[in-house]
Amino acid sequence: MKNCFSKVIFTVLIFCSFAAHAQMFSGLMPPSKQRGVLTYTGSIQPDTTFNSTDGKASLNRGTVITSVPVYKTEKESYGVSMLGHWMDLYPDQAAMPDLYQFDVGLTYTRMVDEKAYWALNGNFGSASDKPFKDPSVDTIGGNFFYIDPVDETGSWVYLVNYSNNRPILNGIPLPGFAYMYTPSKTFRGTFGAPFATIYWEFVDRWSLNFFTLIPWVIKTSVDYSIAGPMKASLGLDFSQSTYYLYGRANRKERLFYDEKRVYVGFKTPLSMQFMTEVEAGYSFDRRYFQDENYDISPKNAIHLGTSPYLKLQLTSLF
C-alpha cells in the first residue's frame, strides 16, 4: 500500500511539473486516488532581440491549468481539465505576434479488477495568434491508457496517443508503453516510449530528477534537500511550443518556438495542499521557425538570443 501511494504522489508531481503536457497524463491514477490540481506558471525574459528595427522586447509567458475529478468512486471517475497559455511580447513586435493556447479536456477512468484500470481522455482547443478564429487554428487530441500493476513495485502502462498539434509525426495515432517501477522511497521511475521519468536519491540529501517526452521535451535537475521537502535545484530544460498562425497559405504549416534553459531553483510545500517553486537562470538557443514538422536545424529560423529569466510556479492540490 505504501508503494502504491508513492506511485500516486509521483504521478501528481509529474502533472504539476509539466503542466503544458498535462492532458497527456490525465487519468494515470486509479479513480479513488485522483485529486484536483490547479497550477499557475509564469516567467519573464527581459532581453529579447529580433533586429535593429524591432529592437528589444520582454517575452512574458504564463500557463494556468486545472484538472478536477467531478465524480469518482472506487470503480470509476469522470474528470475535466482546462488549460490557458500565453506568450506576450512587450512592446509588440512586427517580427512575431503574441501567441495563445486554450484547451478543455474530458477524462473517464475505469477499474478492470482490483488493480488494473484504463482511462480515455480527449481534448479540444486552439493554439494560435488568433485562437478559435476558424477551424484551421483548432487543436484536437486524445489518449487511451491501460495500467496493469504487476506487483507492489511495478506496473505496465500501454497507451495510444493522437494529436493534430504534435511536434513530430503529427496527426498520426501513436502507440506507446512504459513500466512504472517504485522499489523504494529513494527510487521511482517510468521507462518506456514516448516518455520516461526518474527520481533517484543517489546520496543522502541529493537526488536526480529526469523527465523526457521523446524527443522534444527534456527536463533534468540535481536537487539538494535543505530541510525535509524543501529543496534547492540545478537544472536544464529543453522544450518546444507549437502554434497554427491564422491566415497561413499552407494549412499543414505550424509555428515552432524552441528554447533551452539552465537554472537554479528553490521549491517547497507551503502546506499539505500548496506547493511553490522559483527558478532563475538563462534562456538560450531561442528561436521561432515555420514548418510542417519539427526541424532540429531549421533554415528560416528567427533567433532571439540569450536572456536571463525568472519563473514562478504555484500548485494547489485539492
Protein backbone atom coordinates (compact mmCIF):
# COMPACT_ATOMS: atom_id res chain seq x y z
CA MET A 1 0.00 0.00 0.00
CA LYS A 2 2.84 2.40 0.78
CA ASN A 3 4.43 1.85 -2.65
CA CYS A 4 1.06 2.28 -4.34
CA PHE A 5 0.63 5.64 -2.58
CA SER A 6 4.15 6.65 -3.71
CA LYS A 7 3.18 5.97 -7.32
CA VAL A 8 0.13 8.20 -6.96
CA ILE A 9 2.12 11.09 -5.50
CA PHE A 10 4.83 10.63 -8.14
CA THR A 11 2.22 10.91 -10.91
CA VAL A 12 0.70 14.02 -9.30
CA LEU A 13 4.16 15.64 -9.20
CA ILE A 14 4.69 14.80 -12.89
CA PHE A 15 1.37 16.53 -13.60
CA CYS A 16 2.36 19.61 -11.59
CA SER A 17 5.85 19.94 -13.09
CA PHE A 18 4.89 19.56 -16.74
CA ALA A 19 1.63 21.42 -16.98
CA ALA A 20 1.93 22.10 -20.72
CA HIS A 21 1.53 18.34 -21.33
CA ALA A 22 -0.95 17.66 -18.56
CA GLN A 23 -3.74 16.36 -20.83
CA MET A 24 -1.47 13.54 -21.95
CA PHE A 25 -1.09 12.29 -18.36
CA SER A 26 -4.67 12.83 -17.22
CA GLY A 27 -6.12 9.54 -16.00
CA LEU A 28 -2.85 7.88 -14.96
CA MET A 29 -4.11 7.42 -11.40
CA PRO A 30 -6.77 5.00 -10.10
CA PRO A 31 -10.24 6.61 -9.79
CA SER A 32 -10.28 6.72 -5.98
CA LYS A 33 -6.80 8.32 -5.82
CA GLN A 34 -7.43 11.17 -8.26
CA ARG A 35 -7.24 14.70 -6.87
CA GLY A 36 -7.94 18.17 -8.11
CA VAL A 37 -4.90 20.12 -9.29
CA LEU A 38 -4.58 23.84 -10.05
CA THR A 39 -1.25 25.15 -11.32
CA TYR A 40 -0.07 28.62 -12.33
CA THR A 41 3.31 29.09 -14.02
CA GLY A 42 4.67 32.49 -15.06
CA SER A 43 8.04 33.60 -16.40
CA ILE A 44 9.69 36.73 -17.76
CA GLN A 45 12.64 37.04 -20.17
CA PRO A 46 13.53 40.76 -20.37
CA ASP A 47 16.17 40.66 -23.16
CA THR A 48 14.53 39.53 -26.40
CA THR A 49 16.17 40.95 -29.53
CA PHE A 50 14.72 40.46 -33.02
CA ASN A 51 16.51 43.02 -35.22
CA SER A 52 17.52 46.67 -35.34
CA THR A 53 14.04 47.71 -36.50
CA ASP A 54 12.01 45.93 -33.83
CA GLY A 55 14.55 46.45 -31.07
CA LYS A 56 14.31 44.73 -27.69
CA ALA A 57 11.23 43.33 -26.01
CA SER A 58 10.28 41.38 -22.92
CA LEU A 59 8.92 37.87 -23.51
CA ASN A 60 6.33 37.10 -20.83
CA ARG A 61 4.84 33.61 -20.58
CA GLY A 62 2.07 32.22 -18.43
CA THR A 63 0.17 28.97 -18.02
CA VAL A 64 -2.88 28.17 -15.92
CA ILE A 65 -4.06 24.57 -15.82
CA THR A 66 -6.55 22.67 -13.75
CA SER A 67 -7.76 19.08 -13.60
CA VAL A 68 -10.75 18.18 -11.46
CA PRO A 69 -12.39 14.78 -10.85
CA VAL A 70 -16.05 15.85 -10.93
CA TYR A 71 -17.24 12.36 -9.96
CA LYS A 72 -15.34 9.41 -8.54
CA THR A 73 -15.94 6.11 -6.80
CA GLU A 74 -13.72 3.11 -6.14
CA LYS A 75 -14.55 1.81 -9.63
CA GLU A 76 -14.76 4.82 -11.97
CA SER A 77 -14.24 8.55 -12.31
CA TYR A 78 -15.07 11.44 -14.64
CA GLY A 79 -12.69 14.38 -14.85
CA VAL A 80 -12.43 17.79 -16.53
CA SER A 81 -9.20 19.60 -17.40
CA MET A 82 -8.63 23.13 -18.73
CA LEU A 83 -5.53 24.91 -19.93
CA GLY A 84 -4.74 28.51 -20.80
CA HIS A 85 -1.30 29.57 -22.05
CA TRP A 86 0.05 32.82 -23.48
CA MET A 87 3.31 34.22 -24.86
CA ASP A 88 3.23 38.01 -24.77
CA LEU A 89 5.89 40.26 -26.29
CA TYR A 90 6.05 43.73 -24.77
CA PRO A 91 6.21 46.04 -26.57
CA ASP A 92 4.60 44.30 -29.56
CA GLN A 93 6.98 43.26 -32.33
CA ALA A 94 6.39 43.22 -36.09
CA ALA A 95 8.51 40.07 -36.43
CA MET A 96 6.29 37.93 -34.20
CA PRO A 97 2.71 38.18 -32.84
CA ASP A 98 1.55 37.30 -29.37
CA LEU A 99 0.58 33.62 -29.12
CA TYR A 100 -2.08 31.77 -27.14
CA GLN A 101 -3.27 28.26 -26.38
CA PHE A 102 -6.60 27.29 -24.83
CA ASP A 103 -7.77 23.76 -24.19
CA VAL A 104 -10.53 21.80 -22.47
CA GLY A 105 -10.41 18.05 -21.87
CA LEU A 106 -12.60 15.23 -20.54
CA THR A 107 -11.31 12.01 -18.93
CA TYR A 108 -13.03 8.77 -17.98
CA THR A 109 -11.21 6.19 -15.83
CA ARG A 110 -12.49 2.68 -15.09
CA MET A 111 -11.19 -0.13 -12.89
CA VAL A 112 -11.00 -3.52 -14.63
CA ASP A 113 -10.34 -5.52 -11.46
CA GLU A 114 -8.85 -4.79 -8.04
CA LYS A 115 -5.60 -3.48 -9.57
CA ALA A 116 -5.81 -2.90 -13.35
CA TYR A 117 -7.66 0.06 -14.87
CA TRP A 118 -7.96 2.02 -18.10
CA ALA A 119 -8.52 5.68 -18.97
CA LEU A 120 -9.76 7.53 -22.03
CA ASN A 121 -9.40 11.27 -22.49
CA GLY A 122 -9.97 13.76 -25.25
CA ASN A 123 -9.28 17.47 -25.58
CA PHE A 124 -10.27 20.32 -27.88
CA GLY A 125 -8.81 23.78 -28.14
CA SER A 126 -6.85 26.28 -30.20
CA ALA A 127 -3.18 27.29 -30.39
CA SER A 128 -2.67 30.42 -32.49
CA ASP A 129 -2.11 34.15 -32.70
CA LYS A 130 -5.90 34.35 -33.21
CA PRO A 131 -7.35 31.39 -31.27
CA PHE A 132 -10.68 29.94 -32.45
CA LYS A 133 -10.75 32.36 -35.42
CA ASP A 134 -11.61 29.47 -37.74
CA PRO A 135 -11.13 25.64 -37.79
CA SER A 136 -7.63 25.99 -39.28
CA VAL A 137 -6.26 27.04 -35.86
CA ASP A 138 -8.16 24.49 -33.76
CA THR A 139 -6.44 21.59 -31.99
CA ILE A 140 -7.75 18.16 -31.05
CA GLY A 141 -6.15 15.25 -29.22
CA GLY A 142 -6.86 12.10 -27.27
CA ASN A 143 -5.25 9.30 -25.27
CA PHE A 144 -6.10 5.78 -24.21
CA PHE A 145 -4.24 4.23 -21.26
CA TYR A 146 -4.30 0.75 -19.81
CA ILE A 147 -2.47 0.39 -16.49
CA ASP A 148 -1.71 -3.16 -15.34
CA PRO A 149 0.05 -3.50 -11.95
CA VAL A 150 2.43 -6.46 -11.78
CA ASP A 151 3.12 -6.31 -8.04
CA GLU A 152 3.60 -3.74 -5.28
CA THR A 153 6.66 -2.25 -7.00
CA GLY A 154 5.79 -2.27 -10.70
CA SER A 155 3.06 -1.58 -13.28
CA TRP A 156 2.86 -1.75 -17.07
CA VAL A 157 1.32 1.19 -18.92
CA TYR A 158 0.04 0.81 -22.50
CA LEU A 159 -1.21 3.81 -24.45
CA VAL A 160 -2.33 5.25 -27.78
CA ASN A 161 -1.96 8.99 -28.40
CA TYR A 162 -3.44 11.20 -31.12
CA SER A 163 -2.84 14.90 -31.70
CA ASN A 164 -3.09 17.30 -34.62
CA ASN A 165 -0.51 19.59 -32.96
CA ARG A 166 2.34 17.22 -32.14
CA PRO A 167 5.88 18.44 -32.98
CA ILE A 168 6.67 15.26 -34.96
CA LEU A 169 4.54 12.56 -36.64
CA ASN A 170 1.63 14.97 -36.49
CA GLY A 171 -1.92 13.70 -36.97
CA ILE A 172 -0.99 10.01 -36.64
CA PRO A 173 -2.23 7.74 -33.81
CA LEU A 174 0.91 6.60 -31.97
CA PRO A 175 1.09 3.58 -29.63
CA GLY A 176 3.33 3.63 -26.57
CA PHE A 177 4.23 1.70 -23.45
CA ALA A 178 6.06 2.17 -20.17
CA TYR A 179 6.98 0.35 -16.99
CA MET A 180 6.39 2.20 -13.71
CA TYR A 181 8.86 0.96 -11.10
CA THR A 182 8.79 2.03 -7.45
CA PRO A 183 11.06 -0.27 -5.41
CA SER A 184 11.73 2.19 -2.56
CA LYS A 185 11.31 5.78 -1.40
CA THR A 186 14.75 6.61 -2.85
CA PHE A 187 14.00 5.48 -6.40
CA ARG A 188 10.96 5.88 -8.65
CA GLY A 189 10.99 5.52 -12.40
CA THR A 190 8.85 5.19 -15.51
CA PHE A 191 10.65 3.75 -18.52
CA GLY A 192 9.18 3.47 -21.99
CA ALA A 193 8.06 5.36 -25.08
CA PRO A 194 7.26 8.14 -25.70
CA PHE A 195 8.03 9.32 -22.14
CA ALA A 196 10.28 8.46 -19.21
CA THR A 197 10.76 9.79 -15.68
CA ILE A 198 13.31 9.13 -12.93
CA TYR A 199 13.63 10.17 -9.31
CA TRP A 200 16.80 8.80 -7.70
CA GLU A 201 18.16 9.75 -4.30
CA PHE A 202 21.71 8.67 -5.08
CA VAL A 203 23.30 10.11 -1.90
CA ASP A 204 21.75 11.27 1.36
CA ARG A 205 20.02 14.65 0.67
CA TRP A 206 20.99 14.56 -3.04
CA SER A 207 18.60 13.42 -5.76
CA LEU A 208 18.34 13.30 -9.56
CA ASN A 209 15.10 14.20 -11.36
CA PHE A 210 14.68 13.47 -15.07
CA PHE A 211 11.73 13.76 -17.44
CA THR A 212 11.54 13.35 -21.21
CA LEU A 213 8.71 13.35 -23.70
CA ILE A 214 10.71 11.84 -26.54
CA PRO A 215 12.24 13.56 -28.42
CA TRP A 216 11.06 17.13 -27.96
CA VAL A 217 10.98 17.70 -24.19
CA ILE A 218 13.79 17.14 -21.68
CA LYS A 219 13.95 18.46 -18.13
CA THR A 220 16.53 17.30 -15.62
CA SER A 221 17.80 18.61 -12.31
CA VAL A 222 20.01 17.70 -9.38
CA ASP A 223 18.28 18.61 -6.12
CA TYR A 224 19.63 19.12 -2.61
CA SER A 225 17.28 18.64 0.33
CA ILE A 226 17.81 21.62 2.62
CA ALA A 227 15.32 20.53 5.26
CA GLY A 228 12.61 17.94 4.78
CA PRO A 229 10.81 18.56 1.44
CA MET A 230 12.48 21.99 0.98
CA LYS A 231 14.92 21.66 -1.92
CA ALA A 232 17.42 23.65 -3.99
CA SER A 233 17.96 22.67 -7.63
CA LEU A 234 20.39 22.99 -10.51
CA GLY A 235 18.83 22.03 -13.82
CA LEU A 236 18.44 22.05 -17.61
CA ASP A 237 15.18 22.42 -19.53
CA PHE A 238 14.67 21.90 -23.30
CA SER A 239 11.18 22.25 -24.75
CA GLN A 240 9.08 23.45 -27.68
CA SER A 241 5.69 25.07 -28.24
CA THR A 242 3.67 24.77 -31.45
CA TYR A 243 1.02 27.07 -32.92
CA TYR A 244 -1.12 27.47 -36.04
CA LEU A 245 -0.86 31.02 -37.40
CA TYR A 246 -4.15 32.38 -38.69
CA GLY A 247 -4.26 33.06 -42.44
CA ARG A 248 -1.25 30.89 -43.38
CA ALA A 249 -1.12 29.69 -47.01
CA ASN A 250 -0.10 26.13 -46.12
CA ARG A 251 -2.65 24.64 -43.71
CA LYS A 252 -0.14 21.97 -42.57
CA GLU A 253 2.49 24.53 -41.60
CA ARG A 254 2.94 25.49 -37.95
CA LEU A 255 4.98 27.95 -35.93
CA PHE A 256 7.52 26.36 -33.56
CA TYR A 257 9.10 28.09 -30.59
CA ASP A 258 12.27 26.44 -29.25
CA GLU A 259 14.28 27.25 -26.16
CA LYS A 260 16.76 25.78 -23.69
CA ARG A 261 17.20 26.87 -20.09
CA VAL A 262 19.83 26.42 -17.38
CA TYR A 263 18.69 27.41 -13.94
CA VAL A 264 18.95 27.31 -10.19
CA GLY A 265 15.73 26.80 -8.30
CA PHE A 266 14.08 26.54 -4.93
CA LYS A 267 10.95 24.52 -4.22
CA THR A 268 9.00 23.85 -1.08
CA PRO A 269 5.50 22.89 0.02
CA LEU A 270 3.81 25.68 1.95
CA SER A 271 1.23 23.23 3.29
CA MET A 272 -0.11 19.74 2.56
CA GLN A 273 -2.12 21.19 -0.34
CA PHE A 274 0.03 24.05 -1.64
CA MET A 275 3.47 24.00 -3.29
CA THR A 276 5.69 26.69 -4.74
CA GLU A 277 8.77 26.69 -6.98
CA VAL A 278 11.02 29.55 -8.07
CA GLU A 279 13.62 29.38 -10.87
CA ALA A 280 16.21 31.86 -12.09
CA GLY A 281 18.65 31.30 -14.91
CA TYR A 282 19.42 31.84 -18.57
CA SER A 283 17.29 31.00 -21.58
CA PHE A 284 19.35 30.36 -24.72
CA ASP A 285 19.11 28.96 -28.25
CA ARG A 286 15.70 30.63 -28.52
CA ARG A 287 14.18 30.59 -31.97
CA TYR A 288 10.96 30.74 -33.99
CA PHE A 289 10.53 28.87 -37.26
CA GLN A 290 7.69 27.72 -39.50
CA ASP A 291 7.46 24.24 -40.98
CA GLU A 292 5.11 21.27 -41.27
CA ASN A 293 7.11 19.23 -38.73
CA TYR A 294 9.82 19.92 -36.19
CA ASP A 295 13.29 20.51 -37.67
CA ILE A 296 16.38 20.26 -35.49
CA SER A 297 18.25 22.72 -37.77
CA PRO A 298 15.67 24.98 -39.44
CA LYS A 299 16.91 27.28 -42.21
CA ASN A 300 14.28 30.00 -41.76
CA ALA A 301 14.59 30.44 -38.00
CA ILE A 302 14.30 33.80 -36.22
CA HIS A 303 16.82 33.75 -33.35
CA LEU A 304 16.11 35.67 -30.16
CA GLY A 305 19.49 35.46 -28.44
CA THR A 306 20.18 34.76 -24.77
CA SER A 307 18.23 36.25 -21.88
CA PRO A 308 18.11 35.88 -18.11
CA TYR A 309 14.73 34.69 -16.87
CA LEU A 310 12.72 34.37 -13.71
CA LYS A 311 9.96 31.80 -13.24
CA LEU A 312 7.35 31.19 -10.54
CA GLN A 313 5.14 28.11 -10.22
CA LEU A 314 2.30 27.71 -7.73
CA THR A 315 0.43 24.42 -7.34
CA SER A 316 -2.60 23.59 -5.27
CA LEU A 317 -3.91 20.06 -4.66
CA PHE A 318 -7.48 19.60 -3.51
